[in-house]
C-alpha atoms as a PDB file:
ATOM      1  CA  MET A   1      19.243  52.931 -41.419  1.00  0.00           C
ATOM      2  CA  PRO A   2      18.532  55.980 -43.665  1.00  0.00           C
ATOM      3  CA  ALA A   3      15.916  55.666 -46.418  1.00  0.00           C
ATOM      4  CA  ASP A   4      17.116  55.915 -50.000  1.00  0.00           C
ATOM      5  CA  GLY A   5      13.901  57.358 -51.489  1.00  0.00           C
ATOM      6  CA  PRO A   6      11.641  60.212 -50.480  1.00  0.00           C
ATOM      7  CA  SER A   7      10.058  59.732 -47.167  1.00  0.00           C
ATOM      8  CA  THR A   8       6.309  59.275 -47.019  1.00  0.00           C
ATOM      9  CA  PRO A   9       4.406  61.448 -44.600  1.00  0.00           C
ATOM     10  CA  PRO A  10       3.230  59.742 -41.495  1.00  0.00           C
ATOM     11  CA  PRO A  11      -0.392  58.573 -41.611  1.00  0.00           C
ATOM     12  CA  SER A  12      -2.884  61.227 -40.564  1.00  0.00           C
ATOM     13  CA  PRO A  13      -4.499  60.748 -37.200  1.00  0.00           C
ATOM     14  CA  LEU A  14      -7.701  61.998 -38.904  1.00  0.00           C
ATOM     15  CA  GLY A  15      -7.736  58.947 -41.162  1.00  0.00           C
ATOM     16  CA  GLY A  16      -7.886  58.856 -44.937  1.00  0.00           C
ATOM     17  CA  ASP A  17      -6.550  61.568 -47.198  1.00  0.00           C
ATOM     18  CA  LEU A  18      -6.198  65.005 -45.648  1.00  0.00           C
ATOM     19  CA  ILE A  19      -7.735  67.936 -47.527  1.00  0.00           C
ATOM     20  CA  THR A  20      -5.039  70.343 -48.597  1.00  0.00           C
ATOM     21  CA  PRO A  21      -5.003  74.127 -48.724  1.00  0.00           C
ATOM     22  CA  ARG A  22      -4.868  73.751 -52.502  1.00  0.00           C
ATOM     23  CA  ASP A  23      -8.145  71.787 -52.384  1.00  0.00           C
ATOM     24  CA  LEU A  24      -9.698  74.459 -50.138  1.00  0.00           C
ATOM     25  CA  HIS A  25      -8.645  77.241 -52.504  1.00  0.00           C
ATOM     26  CA  ALA A  26     -10.200  75.331 -55.414  1.00  0.00           C
ATOM     27  CA  ILE A  27     -13.453  74.950 -53.469  1.00  0.00           C
ATOM     28  CA  THR A  28     -13.497  78.658 -52.605  1.00  0.00           C
ATOM     29  CA  GLU A  29     -12.757  79.621 -56.207  1.00  0.00           C
ATOM     30  CA  ALA A  30     -15.524  77.360 -57.532  1.00  0.00           C
ATOM     31  CA  GLN A  31     -18.012  78.864 -55.062  1.00  0.00           C
ATOM     32  CA  GLU A  32     -17.035  82.414 -55.998  1.00  0.00           C
ATOM     33  CA  LYS A  33     -17.398  81.601 -59.697  1.00  0.00           C
ATOM     34  CA  ALA A  34     -20.849  80.126 -59.035  1.00  0.00           C
ATOM     35  CA  ARG A  35     -21.903  83.228 -57.050  1.00  0.00           C
ATOM     36  CA  LEU A  36     -20.579  85.522 -59.792  1.00  0.00           C
ATOM     37  CA  LYS A  37     -22.435  83.580 -62.483  1.00  0.00           C
ATOM     38  CA  GLU A  38     -25.620  83.705 -60.396  1.00  0.00           C
ATOM     39  CA  ALA A  39     -25.234  87.484 -59.960  1.00  0.00           C
ATOM     40  CA  GLN A  40     -24.602  87.916 -63.703  1.00  0.00           C
ATOM     41  CA  ASP A  41     -27.639  85.787 -64.561  1.00  0.00           C
ATOM     42  CA  LEU A  42     -29.796  87.813 -62.155  1.00  0.00           C
ATOM     43  CA  ALA A  43     -28.537  91.097 -63.631  1.00  0.00           C
ATOM     44  CA  LYS A  44     -29.255  89.795 -67.141  1.00  0.00           C
ATOM     45  CA  ARG A  45     -32.805  88.753 -66.161  1.00  0.00           C
ATOM     46  CA  LYS A  46     -33.421  92.154 -64.532  1.00  0.00           C
ATOM     47  CA  GLN A  47     -32.154  93.950 -67.641  1.00  0.00           C
ATOM     48  CA  GLU A  48     -34.373  91.794 -69.862  1.00  0.00           C
ATOM     49  CA  GLU A  49     -37.366  92.594 -67.618  1.00  0.00           C
ATOM     50  CA  GLN A  50     -36.599  96.323 -67.750  1.00  0.00           C
ATOM     51  CA  THR A  51     -36.265  96.161 -71.522  1.00  0.00           C
ATOM     52  CA  ALA A  52     -39.605  94.353 -71.808  1.00  0.00           C
ATOM     53  CA  ILE A  53     -41.298  96.898 -69.518  1.00  0.00           C
ATOM     54  CA  HIS A  54     -39.848  99.775 -71.549  1.00  0.00           C
ATOM     55  CA  GLU A  55     -40.961  98.180 -74.808  1.00  0.00           C
ATOM     56  CA  ALA A  56     -44.471  97.688 -73.388  1.00  0.00           C
ATOM     57  CA  PHE A  57     -44.546 101.349 -72.300  1.00  0.00           C
ATOM     58  CA  MET A  58     -43.415 102.520 -75.707  1.00  0.00           C
ATOM     59  CA  HIS A  59     -46.147 100.513 -77.454  1.00  0.00           C
ATOM     60  CA  GLN A  60     -48.967 100.839 -74.924  1.00  0.00           C
ATOM     61  CA  HIS A  61     -52.072 102.712 -76.001  1.00  0.00           C
ATOM     62  CA  ILE A  62     -54.960 104.322 -74.217  1.00  0.00           C
ATOM     63  CA  ARG A  63     -57.634 101.734 -73.601  1.00  0.00           C
ATOM     64  CA  PRO A  64     -61.019 101.875 -75.365  1.00  0.00           C
ATOM     65  CA  ASP A  65     -62.795 102.265 -72.005  1.00  0.00           C
ATOM     66  CA  ALA A  66     -60.607 105.256 -71.058  1.00  0.00           C
ATOM     67  CA  LYS A  67     -63.500 107.731 -70.920  1.00  0.00           C
ATOM     68  CA  GLU A  68     -65.437 105.623 -68.409  1.00  0.00           C
ATOM     69  CA  ARG A  69     -62.331 104.906 -66.321  1.00  0.00           C
ATOM     70  CA  PHE A  70     -61.374 108.578 -66.381  1.00  0.00           C
ATOM     71  CA  THR A  71     -64.838 109.719 -65.310  1.00  0.00           C
ATOM     72  CA  ARG A  72     -64.913 107.198 -62.468  1.00  0.00           C
ATOM     73  CA  ALA A  73     -61.408 108.147 -61.263  1.00  0.00           C
ATOM     74  CA  VAL A  74     -61.953 111.913 -61.201  1.00  0.00           C
ATOM     75  CA  ARG A  75     -65.425 111.579 -59.661  1.00  0.00           C
ATOM     76  CA  THR A  76     -64.074 109.322 -56.905  1.00  0.00           C
ATOM     77  CA  ALA A  77     -61.182 111.723 -56.250  1.00  0.00           C
ATOM     78  CA  ALA A  78     -63.563 114.702 -56.095  1.00  0.00           C
ATOM     79  CA  GLU A  79     -65.822 112.815 -53.674  1.00  0.00           C
ATOM     80  CA  ARG A  80     -62.782 112.371 -51.408  1.00  0.00           C
ATOM     81  CA  GLY A  81     -62.139 116.115 -51.598  1.00  0.00           C
ATOM     82  CA  GLU A  82     -59.101 115.785 -53.863  1.00  0.00           C
ATOM     83  CA  THR A  83     -58.383 118.109 -56.771  1.00  0.00           C
ATOM     84  CA  GLU A  84     -55.932 115.992 -58.755  1.00  0.00           C
ATOM     85  CA  ILE A  85     -55.054 112.442 -59.719  1.00  0.00           C
ATOM     86  CA  GLU A  86     -51.862 110.844 -60.899  1.00  0.00           C
ATOM     87  CA  ILE A  87     -52.549 109.568 -64.387  1.00  0.00           C
ATOM     88  CA  VAL A  88     -49.210 108.024 -65.311  1.00  0.00           C
ATOM     89  CA  ARG A  89     -45.886 107.214 -63.627  1.00  0.00           C
ATOM     90  CA  PHE A  90     -42.733 106.073 -65.380  1.00  0.00           C
ATOM     91  CA  PRO A  91     -38.937 106.198 -65.059  1.00  0.00           C
ATOM     92  CA  SER A  92     -37.387 109.512 -66.099  1.00  0.00           C
ATOM     93  CA  SER A  93     -35.057 107.510 -68.343  1.00  0.00           C
ATOM     94  CA  TYR A  94     -38.061 107.057 -70.651  1.00  0.00           C
ATOM     95  CA  CYS A  95     -37.967 110.802 -71.394  1.00  0.00           C
ATOM     96  CA  SER A  96     -35.867 111.814 -74.370  1.00  0.00           C
ATOM     97  CA  ASP A  97     -33.747 114.000 -72.055  1.00  0.00           C
ATOM     98  CA  GLY A  98     -33.718 111.737 -68.997  1.00  0.00           C
ATOM     99  CA  GLY A  99     -36.225 113.984 -67.205  1.00  0.00           C
ATOM    100  CA  ARG A 100     -34.118 117.173 -67.372  1.00  0.00           C
ATOM    101  CA  ALA A 101     -36.886 119.438 -68.726  1.00  0.00           C
ATOM    102  CA  ILE A 102     -39.396 118.195 -66.156  1.00  0.00           C
ATOM    103  CA  ASN A 103     -36.860 118.527 -63.348  1.00  0.00           C
ATOM    104  CA  ASN A 104     -36.098 122.112 -64.405  1.00  0.00           C
ATOM    105  CA  PHE A 105     -39.763 123.091 -64.879  1.00  0.00           C
ATOM    106  CA  GLU A 106     -39.128 124.021 -68.507  1.00  0.00           C
ATOM    107  CA  PRO A 107     -42.259 125.036 -70.401  1.00  0.00           C
ATOM    108  CA  ASP A 108     -41.517 122.658 -73.279  1.00  0.00           C
ATOM    109  CA  TRP A 109     -41.263 119.573 -70.985  1.00  0.00           C
ATOM    110  CA  PRO A 110     -44.004 117.744 -72.948  1.00  0.00           C
ATOM    111  CA  ASP A 111     -41.605 117.572 -75.903  1.00  0.00           C
ATOM    112  CA  SER A 112     -39.429 115.171 -73.889  1.00  0.00           C
ATOM    113  CA  LEU A 113     -42.234 112.626 -73.418  1.00  0.00           C
ATOM    114  CA  THR A 114     -42.106 109.361 -75.338  1.00  0.00           C
ATOM    115  CA  GLY A 115     -44.302 106.301 -75.791  1.00  0.00           C
ATOM    116  CA  PHE A 116     -47.413 106.003 -73.657  1.00  0.00           C
ATOM    117  CA  ALA A 117     -46.646 109.212 -71.746  1.00  0.00           C
ATOM    118  CA  ARG A 118     -46.645 111.138 -75.012  1.00  0.00           C
ATOM    119  CA  GLU A 119     -49.939 109.550 -76.024  1.00  0.00           C
ATOM    120  CA  VAL A 120     -51.435 110.493 -72.648  1.00  0.00           C
ATOM    121  CA  TYR A 121     -50.242 114.079 -73.079  1.00  0.00           C
ATOM    122  CA  ASP A 122     -51.569 114.315 -76.636  1.00  0.00           C
ATOM    123  CA  ASN A 123     -54.986 113.082 -75.494  1.00  0.00           C
ATOM    124  CA  TYR A 124     -54.957 115.554 -72.599  1.00  0.00           C
ATOM    125  CA  ASP A 125     -54.099 118.374 -75.002  1.00  0.00           C
ATOM    126  CA  ARG A 126     -56.808 117.333 -77.448  1.00  0.00           C
ATOM    127  CA  TYR A 127     -59.688 116.493 -75.083  1.00  0.00           C
ATOM    128  CA  LEU A 128     -59.043 117.531 -71.494  1.00  0.00           C
ATOM    129  CA  ARG A 129     -57.296 120.900 -71.763  1.00  0.00           C
ATOM    130  CA  PRO A 130     -60.228 122.408 -73.697  1.00  0.00           C
ATOM    131  CA  ALA A 131     -62.553 121.137 -70.921  1.00  0.00           C
ATOM    132  CA  GLY A 132     -60.555 123.108 -68.307  1.00  0.00           C
ATOM    133  CA  TYR A 133     -58.234 120.461 -66.855  1.00  0.00           C
ATOM    134  CA  LYS A 134     -54.577 121.216 -66.102  1.00  0.00           C
ATOM    135  CA  LEU A 135     -51.617 118.868 -66.347  1.00  0.00           C
ATOM    136  CA  ARG A 136     -48.313 118.923 -64.523  1.00  0.00           C
ATOM    137  CA  ALA A 137     -45.348 116.604 -64.348  1.00  0.00           C
ATOM    138  CA  GLN A 138     -42.750 116.294 -61.644  1.00  0.00           C
ATOM    139  CA  ILE A 139     -39.836 114.132 -60.668  1.00  0.00           C
ATOM    140  CA  LEU A 140     -40.998 112.009 -57.732  1.00  0.00           C
ATOM    141  CA  SER A 141     -37.722 110.487 -56.570  1.00  0.00           C
ATOM    142  CA  TYR A 142     -33.986 111.095 -56.803  1.00  0.00           C
ATOM    143  CA  PRO A 143     -32.142 107.783 -56.394  1.00  0.00           C
ATOM    144  CA  GLY A 144     -28.438 108.464 -56.152  1.00  0.00           C
ATOM    145  CA  GLY A 145     -29.158 112.162 -56.622  1.00  0.00           C
ATOM    146  CA  MET A 146     -30.446 111.629 -60.157  1.00  0.00           C
ATOM    147  CA  PRO A 147     -34.042 111.987 -61.406  1.00  0.00           C
ATOM    148  CA  GLY A 148     -36.014 108.782 -60.801  1.00  0.00           C
ATOM    149  CA  ASP A 149     -39.720 108.329 -61.453  1.00  0.00           C
ATOM    150  CA  VAL A 150     -41.858 110.936 -63.175  1.00  0.00           C
ATOM    151  CA  GLY A 151     -45.449 111.449 -62.104  1.00  0.00           C
ATOM    152  CA  VAL A 152     -47.939 113.143 -64.413  1.00  0.00           C
ATOM    153  CA  PHE A 153     -50.905 114.654 -62.594  1.00  0.00           C
ATOM    154  CA  LEU A 154     -54.217 115.910 -63.861  1.00  0.00           C
ATOM    155  CA  HIS A 155     -55.889 118.564 -61.745  1.00  0.00           C
ATOM    156  CA  TRP A 156     -59.029 120.651 -61.811  1.00  0.00           C
END
């Protein structure tokens, strides 16, 4: 005898309700949303950290014990037979031109320095240049083919 209403599916040999493709798609979508949110949160935290580091660099000042630290550093380097020390390192993005003048060895590269790097340069120009020290800056890395970190070196 034919049934008048819609037929019900036979019971699953697995028992209970069977998970459907629709359920699986919803699970996958929820997982992808969670991974995307986690990646966005991580990117936001990294950006906040970079902003805080940049702000600290822009407002950092030479320490009161700089003369003693400087003397110790150059003496130790000289005792090892070295003729220069790296005095500051920072991302080229901290330069007003993104590191272009330093990368191109332009004579006015100090004009592109900002924040702590500018303070370091000004103190070099005021105290160390007259004593016979030399200063140079160079791009130290090229991530993705673009200028990365800048190193500023004092030599004698």
